[in-house]
Amino acid sequence: MPIKSYLAHPHNGKKEILTKAINALEHCEVIPAENENLLIVVTETDNKEQEDLLKEKIENIESLKLLAMVSGFNTK
């Protein structure tokens, strides 16, 4: 079961839009930073294929400027 965490940087003024878009996806949890234009995204999927598809969906959100993985691991 892949579990990964990312830092998601929205385009200027798009933090709330990006938060809503990511929250609408399954297998995601979003934690907005209180003092920065930044979101922490944690994903938990059933397999690598599902994780790859989810990452692609996140990367295609228009309000996303940059997505950087912080850590990832796979549990059996």
PDB file of N, CA and C in Angstrom:
ATOM      1  N   MET A   1       0.852  -1.180   0.000  1.00  0.00           N
ATOM      2  CA  MET A   1       0.000   0.000   0.000  1.00  0.00           C
ATOM      3  C   MET A   1       0.895   1.240   0.000  1.00  0.00           C
ATOM      4  N   PRO A   2       1.018   1.919  -1.141  1.00  0.00           N
ATOM      5  CA  PRO A   2       1.845   3.121  -1.204  1.00  0.00           C
ATOM      6  C   PRO A   2       1.246   4.285  -0.398  1.00  0.00           C
ATOM      7  N   ILE A   3       2.093   4.888   0.400  1.00  0.00           N
ATOM      8  CA  ILE A   3       1.736   6.103   1.127  1.00  0.00           C
ATOM      9  C   ILE A   3       2.798   7.141   0.792  1.00  0.00           C
ATOM     10  N   LYS A   4       2.350   8.285   0.288  1.00  0.00           N
ATOM     11  CA  LYS A   4       3.297   9.327  -0.115  1.00  0.00           C
ATOM     12  C   LYS A   4       2.829  10.678   0.409  1.00  0.00           C
ATOM     13  N   SER A   5       3.792  11.558   0.619  1.00  0.00           N
ATOM     14  CA  SER A   5       3.452  12.932   0.997  1.00  0.00           C
ATOM     15  C   SER A   5       4.126  13.882   0.024  1.00  0.00           C
ATOM     16  N   TYR A   6       3.409  14.953  -0.283  1.00  0.00           N
ATOM     17  CA  TYR A   6       3.860  15.940  -1.258  1.00  0.00           C
ATOM     18  C   TYR A   6       3.691  17.347  -0.696  1.00  0.00           C
ATOM     19  N   LEU A   7       4.471  18.269  -1.204  1.00  0.00           N
ATOM     20  CA  LEU A   7       4.228  19.688  -1.021  1.00  0.00           C
ATOM     21  C   LEU A   7       3.643  20.189  -2.336  1.00  0.00           C
ATOM     22  N   ALA A   8       2.473  20.786  -2.262  1.00  0.00           N
ATOM     23  CA  ALA A   8       1.804  21.303  -3.451  1.00  0.00           C
ATOM     24  C   ALA A   8       1.802  22.824  -3.381  1.00  0.00           C
ATOM     25  N   HIS A   9       2.394  23.439  -4.386  1.00  0.00           N
ATOM     26  CA  HIS A   9       2.463  24.894  -4.472  1.00  0.00           C
ATOM     27  C   HIS A   9       1.423  25.369  -5.489  1.00  0.00           C
ATOM     28  N   PRO A  10       0.418  26.116  -5.036  1.00  0.00           N
ATOM     29  CA  PRO A  10      -0.583  26.619  -5.984  1.00  0.00           C
ATOM     30  C   PRO A  10      -0.087  27.870  -6.699  1.00  0.00           C
ATOM     31  N   HIS A  11      -0.719  28.163  -7.827  1.00  0.00           N
ATOM     32  CA  HIS A  11      -0.483  29.456  -8.471  1.00  0.00           C
ATOM     33  C   HIS A  11      -0.996  30.543  -7.528  1.00  0.00           C
ATOM     34  N   ASN A  12      -0.483  31.764  -7.672  1.00  0.00           N
ATOM     35  CA  ASN A  12      -0.878  32.871  -6.792  1.00  0.00           C
ATOM     36  C   ASN A  12      -2.395  33.030  -6.752  1.00  0.00           C
ATOM     37  N   GLY A  13      -2.930  33.099  -5.549  1.00  0.00           N
ATOM     38  CA  GLY A  13      -4.358  33.305  -5.355  1.00  0.00           C
ATOM     39  C   GLY A  13      -5.218  32.070  -5.609  1.00  0.00           C
ATOM     40  N   LYS A  14      -4.607  30.911  -5.808  1.00  0.00           N
ATOM     41  CA  LYS A  14      -5.361  29.698  -6.161  1.00  0.00           C
ATOM     42  C   LYS A  14      -5.305  28.618  -5.074  1.00  0.00           C
ATOM     43  N   LYS A  15      -4.858  28.971  -3.878  1.00  0.00           N
ATOM     44  CA  LYS A  15      -4.703  27.972  -2.813  1.00  0.00           C
ATOM     45  C   LYS A  15      -6.028  27.290  -2.480  1.00  0.00           C
ATOM     46  N   GLU A  16      -7.097  28.035  -2.328  1.00  0.00           N
ATOM     47  CA  GLU A  16      -8.398  27.469  -1.969  1.00  0.00           C
ATOM     48  C   GLU A  16      -8.945  26.596  -3.102  1.00  0.00           C
ATOM     49  N   ILE A  17      -8.770  27.027  -4.328  1.00  0.00           N
ATOM     50  CA  ILE A  17      -9.229  26.250  -5.483  1.00  0.00           C
ATOM     51  C   ILE A  17      -8.469  24.921  -5.559  1.00  0.00           C
ATOM     52  N   LEU A  18      -7.156  24.978  -5.339  1.00  0.00           N
ATOM     53  CA  LEU A  18      -6.343  23.765  -5.365  1.00  0.00           C
ATOM     54  C   LEU A  18      -6.730  22.831  -4.223  1.00  0.00           C
ATOM     55  N   THR A  19      -6.969  23.379  -3.054  1.00  0.00           N
ATOM     56  CA  THR A  19      -7.388  22.563  -1.910  1.00  0.00           C
ATOM     57  C   THR A  19      -8.666  21.798  -2.237  1.00  0.00           C
ATOM     58  N   LYS A  20      -9.654  22.482  -2.774  1.00  0.00           N
ATOM     59  CA  LYS A  20     -10.921  21.839  -3.122  1.00  0.00           C
ATOM     60  C   LYS A  20     -10.740  20.780  -4.197  1.00  0.00           C
ATOM     61  N   ALA A  21      -9.917  21.065  -5.192  1.00  0.00           N
ATOM     62  CA  ALA A  21      -9.706  20.118  -6.284  1.00  0.00           C
ATOM     63  C   ALA A  21      -9.036  18.834  -5.789  1.00  0.00           C
ATOM     64  N   ILE A  22      -8.033  18.972  -4.935  1.00  0.00           N
ATOM     65  CA  ILE A  22      -7.353  17.778  -4.420  1.00  0.00           C
ATOM     66  C   ILE A  22      -8.253  17.023  -3.451  1.00  0.00           C
ATOM     67  N   ASN A  23      -8.984  17.744  -2.612  1.00  0.00           N
ATOM     68  CA  ASN A  23      -9.903  17.086  -1.680  1.00  0.00           C
ATOM     69  C   ASN A  23     -10.991  16.301  -2.408  1.00  0.00           C
ATOM     70  N   ALA A  24     -11.312  16.672  -3.631  1.00  0.00           N
ATOM     71  CA  ALA A  24     -12.339  15.974  -4.403  1.00  0.00           C
ATOM     72  C   ALA A  24     -11.850  14.607  -4.906  1.00  0.00           C
ATOM     73  N   LEU A  25     -10.551  14.396  -4.884  1.00  0.00           N
ATOM     74  CA  LEU A  25      -9.982  13.123  -5.328  1.00  0.00           C
ATOM     75  C   LEU A  25      -9.997  12.106  -4.196  1.00  0.00           C
ATOM     76  N   GLU A  26     -10.211  10.837  -4.551  1.00  0.00           N
ATOM     77  CA  GLU A  26     -10.142   9.776  -3.554  1.00  0.00           C
ATOM     78  C   GLU A  26      -8.689   9.507  -3.184  1.00  0.00           C
ATOM     79  N   HIS A  27      -8.470   8.995  -1.999  1.00  0.00           N
ATOM     80  CA  HIS A  27      -7.162   8.570  -1.504  1.00  0.00           C
ATOM     81  C   HIS A  27      -6.230   9.737  -1.199  1.00  0.00           C
ATOM     82  N   CYS A  28      -6.786  10.944  -0.985  1.00  0.00           N
ATOM     83  CA  CYS A  28      -5.973  12.132  -0.697  1.00  0.00           C
ATOM     84  C   CYS A  28      -6.440  12.809   0.579  1.00  0.00           C
ATOM     85  N   GLU A  29      -5.487  13.368   1.293  1.00  0.00           N
ATOM     86  CA  GLU A  29      -5.791  14.256   2.416  1.00  0.00           C
ATOM     87  C   GLU A  29      -4.945  15.501   2.231  1.00  0.00           C
ATOM     88  N   VAL A  30      -5.568  16.665   2.407  1.00  0.00           N
ATOM     89  CA  VAL A  30      -4.870  17.938   2.210  1.00  0.00           C
ATOM     90  C   VAL A  30      -4.805  18.676   3.539  1.00  0.00           C
ATOM     91  N   ILE A  31      -3.612  19.172   3.862  1.00  0.00           N
ATOM     92  CA  ILE A  31      -3.406  19.976   5.057  1.00  0.00           C
ATOM     93  C   ILE A  31      -2.816  21.308   4.594  1.00  0.00           C
ATOM     94  N   PRO A  32      -3.600  22.391   4.653  1.00  0.00           N
ATOM     95  CA  PRO A  32      -3.057  23.682   4.209  1.00  0.00           C
ATOM     96  C   PRO A  32      -2.106  24.274   5.254  1.00  0.00           C
ATOM     97  N   ALA A  33      -1.010  24.827   4.785  1.00  0.00           N
ATOM     98  CA  ALA A  33      -0.110  25.550   5.682  1.00  0.00           C
ATOM     99  C   ALA A  33      -0.808  26.827   6.126  1.00  0.00           C
ATOM    100  N   GLU A  34      -0.614  27.202   7.365  1.00  0.00           N
ATOM    101  CA  GLU A  34      -1.289  28.383   7.904  1.00  0.00           C
ATOM    102  C   GLU A  34      -0.607  29.686   7.505  1.00  0.00           C
ATOM    103  N   ASN A  35       0.700  29.651   7.294  1.00  0.00           N
ATOM    104  CA  ASN A  35       1.415  30.897   7.058  1.00  0.00           C
ATOM    105  C   ASN A  35       2.132  30.958   5.709  1.00  0.00           C
ATOM    106  N   GLU A  36       1.876  29.990   4.838  1.00  0.00           N
ATOM    107  CA  GLU A  36       2.529  29.968   3.531  1.00  0.00           C
ATOM    108  C   GLU A  36       1.511  29.598   2.457  1.00  0.00           C
ATOM    109  N   ASN A  37       1.822  29.913   1.227  1.00  0.00           N
ATOM    110  CA  ASN A  37       0.995  29.545   0.085  1.00  0.00           C
ATOM    111  C   ASN A  37       1.401  28.129  -0.324  1.00  0.00           C
ATOM    112  N   LEU A  38       1.031  27.152   0.512  1.00  0.00           N
ATOM    113  CA  LEU A  38       1.528  25.790   0.379  1.00  0.00           C
ATOM    114  C   LEU A  38       0.513  24.817   0.944  1.00  0.00           C
ATOM    115  N   LEU A  39       0.412  23.647   0.320  1.00  0.00           N
ATOM    116  CA  LEU A  39      -0.443  22.573   0.822  1.00  0.00           C
ATOM    117  C   LEU A  39       0.406  21.328   1.046  1.00  0.00           C
ATOM    118  N   ILE A  40       0.081  20.575   2.073  1.00  0.00           N
ATOM    119  CA  ILE A  40       0.680  19.270   2.308  1.00  0.00           C
ATOM    120  C   ILE A  40      -0.361  18.257   1.856  1.00  0.00           C
ATOM    121  N   VAL A  41       0.038  17.368   0.979  1.00  0.00           N
ATOM    122  CA  VAL A  41      -0.880  16.366   0.435  1.00  0.00           C
ATOM    123  C   VAL A  41      -0.355  14.986   0.815  1.00  0.00           C
ATOM    124  N   VAL A  42      -1.207  14.182   1.429  1.00  0.00           N
ATOM    125  CA  VAL A  42      -0.853  12.808   1.783  1.00  0.00           C
ATOM    126  C   VAL A  42      -1.771  11.892   0.988  1.00  0.00           C
ATOM    127  N   THR A  43      -1.163  10.921   0.303  1.00  0.00           N
ATOM    128  CA  THR A  43      -1.944   9.958  -0.478  1.00  0.00           C
ATOM    129  C   THR A  43      -1.723   8.561   0.079  1.00  0.00           C
ATOM    130  N   GLU A  44      -2.765   7.751   0.018  1.00  0.00           N
ATOM    131  CA  GLU A  44      -2.679   6.350   0.422  1.00  0.00           C
ATOM    132  C   GLU A  44      -3.525   5.546  -0.566  1.00  0.00           C
ATOM    133  N   THR A  45      -2.861   4.720  -1.349  1.00  0.00           N
ATOM    134  CA  THR A  45      -3.535   3.957  -2.397  1.00  0.00           C
ATOM    135  C   THR A  45      -3.293   2.467  -2.190  1.00  0.00           C
ATOM    136  N   ASP A  46      -3.979   1.657  -2.984  1.00  0.00           N
ATOM    137  CA  ASP A  46      -3.883   0.204  -2.845  1.00  0.00           C
ATOM    138  C   ASP A  46      -2.691  -0.404  -3.577  1.00  0.00           C
ATOM    139  N   ASN A  47      -2.202   0.282  -4.615  1.00  0.00           N
ATOM    140  CA  ASN A  47      -1.086  -0.275  -5.382  1.00  0.00           C
ATOM    141  C   ASN A  47      -0.381   0.843  -6.157  1.00  0.00           C
ATOM    142  N   LYS A  48       0.747   0.485  -6.777  1.00  0.00           N
ATOM    143  CA  LYS A  48       1.556   1.475  -7.487  1.00  0.00           C
ATOM    144  C   LYS A  48       0.806   2.076  -8.677  1.00  0.00           C
ATOM    145  N   GLU A  49       0.052   1.271  -9.378  1.00  0.00           N
ATOM    146  CA  GLU A  49      -0.689   1.766 -10.542  1.00  0.00           C
ATOM    147  C   GLU A  49      -1.710   2.825 -10.132  1.00  0.00           C
ATOM    148  N   GLN A  50      -2.410   2.558  -9.035  1.00  0.00           N
ATOM    149  CA  GLN A  50      -3.396   3.520  -8.526  1.00  0.00           C
ATOM    150  C   GLN A  50      -2.707   4.810  -8.073  1.00  0.00           C
ATOM    151  N   GLU A  51      -1.543   4.672  -7.445  1.00  0.00           N
ATOM    152  CA  GLU A  51      -0.786   5.843  -7.000  1.00  0.00           C
ATOM    153  C   GLU A  51      -0.314   6.672  -8.189  1.00  0.00           C
ATOM    154  N   ASP A  52       0.186   6.000  -9.224  1.00  0.00           N
ATOM    155  CA  ASP A  52       0.650   6.713 -10.420  1.00  0.00           C
ATOM    156  C   ASP A  52      -0.490   7.484 -11.083  1.00  0.00           C
ATOM    157  N   LEU A  53      -1.669   6.876 -11.158  1.00  0.00           N
ATOM    158  CA  LEU A  53      -2.830   7.535 -11.743  1.00  0.00           C
ATOM    159  C   LEU A  53      -3.261   8.739 -10.904  1.00  0.00           C
ATOM    160  N   LEU A  54      -3.242   8.575  -9.591  1.00  0.00           N
ATOM    161  CA  LEU A  54      -3.612   9.670  -8.698  1.00  0.00           C
ATOM    162  C   LEU A  54      -2.629  10.840  -8.829  1.00  0.00           C
ATOM    163  N   LYS A  55      -1.338  10.538  -8.875  1.00  0.00           N
ATOM    164  CA  LYS A  55      -0.335  11.595  -9.031  1.00  0.00           C
ATOM    165  C   LYS A  55      -0.545  12.345 -10.343  1.00  0.00           C
ATOM    166  N   GLU A  56      -0.857  11.623 -11.402  1.00  0.00           N
ATOM    167  CA  GLU A  56      -1.113  12.251 -12.693  1.00  0.00           C
ATOM    168  C   GLU A  56      -2.330  13.176 -12.629  1.00  0.00           C
ATOM    169  N   LYS A  57      -3.379  12.740 -11.935  1.00  0.00           N
ATOM    170  CA  LYS A  57      -4.571  13.579 -11.773  1.00  0.00           C
ATOM    171  C   LYS A  57      -4.231  14.860 -11.017  1.00  0.00           C
ATOM    172  N   ILE A  58      -3.438  14.739  -9.964  1.00  0.00           N
ATOM    173  CA  ILE A  58      -3.050  15.924  -9.177  1.00  0.00           C
ATOM    174  C   ILE A  58      -2.231  16.869 -10.042  1.00  0.00           C
ATOM    175  N   GLU A  59      -1.273  16.323 -10.775  1.00  0.00           N
ATOM    176  CA  GLU A  59      -0.395  17.156 -11.610  1.00  0.00           C
ATOM    177  C   GLU A  59      -1.153  17.874 -12.723  1.00  0.00           C
ATOM    178  N   ASN A  60      -2.307  17.378 -13.103  1.00  0.00           N
ATOM    179  CA  ASN A  60      -3.088  18.002 -14.171  1.00  0.00           C
ATOM    180  C   ASN A  60      -4.078  19.058 -13.682  1.00  0.00           C
ATOM    181  N   ILE A  61      -4.106  19.327 -12.386  1.00  0.00           N
ATOM    182  CA  ILE A  61      -4.988  20.369 -11.850  1.00  0.00           C
ATOM    183  C   ILE A  61      -4.407  21.730 -12.243  1.00  0.00           C
ATOM    184  N   GLU A  62      -5.212  22.562 -12.871  1.00  0.00           N
ATOM    185  CA  GLU A  62      -4.723  23.841 -13.413  1.00  0.00           C
ATOM    186  C   GLU A  62      -4.201  24.809 -12.356  1.00  0.00           C
ATOM    187  N   SER A  63      -4.740  24.757 -11.145  1.00  0.00           N
ATOM    188  CA  SER A  63      -4.308  25.693 -10.099  1.00  0.00           C
ATOM    189  C   SER A  63      -3.002  25.264  -9.438  1.00  0.00           C
ATOM    190  N   LEU A  64      -2.467  24.102  -9.813  1.00  0.00           N
ATOM    191  CA  LEU A  64      -1.205  23.604  -9.260  1.00  0.00           C
ATOM    192  C   LEU A  64      -0.026  24.186 -10.024  1.00  0.00           C
ATOM    193  N   LYS A  65       0.906  24.782  -9.302  1.00  0.00           N
ATOM    194  CA  LYS A  65       2.120  25.324  -9.907  1.00  0.00           C
ATOM    195  C   LYS A  65       3.250  24.290  -9.856  1.00  0.00           C
ATOM    196  N   LEU A  66       3.409  23.607  -8.698  1.00  0.00           N
ATOM    197  CA  LEU A  66       4.508  22.668  -8.505  1.00  0.00           C
ATOM    198  C   LEU A  66       4.088  21.615  -7.494  1.00  0.00           C
ATOM    199  N   LEU A  67       4.432  20.364  -7.761  1.00  0.00           N
ATOM    200  CA  LEU A  67       4.186  19.264  -6.836  1.00  0.00           C
ATOM    201  C   LEU A  67       5.518  18.594  -6.557  1.00  0.00           C
ATOM    202  N   ALA A  68       5.920  18.536  -5.282  1.00  0.00           N
ATOM    203  CA  ALA A  68       7.195  17.941  -4.901  1.00  0.00           C
ATOM    204  C   ALA A  68       6.963  16.842  -3.871  1.00  0.00           C
ATOM    205  N   MET A  69       7.416  15.621  -4.185  1.00  0.00           N
ATOM    206  CA  MET A  69       7.270  14.538  -3.233  1.00  0.00           C
ATOM    207  C   MET A  69       8.257  14.721  -2.085  1.00  0.00           C
ATOM    208  N   VAL A  70       7.760  14.545  -0.868  1.00  0.00           N
ATOM    209  CA  VAL A  70       8.606  14.669   0.316  1.00  0.00           C
ATOM    210  C   VAL A  70       9.066  13.294   0.777  1.00  0.00           C
ATOM    211  N   SER A  71       8.150  12.343   0.820  1.00  0.00           N
ATOM    212  CA  SER A  71       8.532  10.984   1.187  1.00  0.00           C
ATOM    213  C   SER A  71       7.520  10.011   0.629  1.00  0.00           C
ATOM    214  N   GLY A  72       7.959   8.780   0.498  1.00  0.00           N
ATOM    215  CA  GLY A  72       7.063   7.745   0.023  1.00  0.00           C
ATOM    216  C   GLY A  72       7.558   6.393   0.462  1.00  0.00           C
ATOM    217  N   PHE A  73       6.648   5.509   0.793  1.00  0.00           N
ATOM    218  CA  PHE A  73       7.013   4.145   1.121  1.00  0.00           C
ATOM    219  C   PHE A  73       5.869   3.224   0.783  1.00  0.00           C
ATOM    220  N   ASN A  74       6.192   1.938   0.684  1.00  0.00           N
ATOM    221  CA  ASN A  74       5.212   0.944   0.295  1.00  0.00           C
ATOM    222  C   ASN A  74       5.125  -0.103   1.398  1.00  0.00           C
ATOM    223  N   THR A  75       3.952  -0.307   1.953  1.00  0.00           N
ATOM    224  CA  THR A  75       3.756  -1.320   2.982  1.00  0.00           C
ATOM    225  C   THR A  75       3.095  -2.543   2.360  1.00  0.00           C
ATOM    226  N   LYS A  76       3.422  -3.667   2.829  1.00  0.00           N
ATOM    227  CA  LYS A  76       2.834  -4.931   2.324  1.00  0.00           C
ATOM    228  C   LYS A  76       1.688  -5.361   3.211  1.00  0.00           C
TER     229      LYS A  76
END
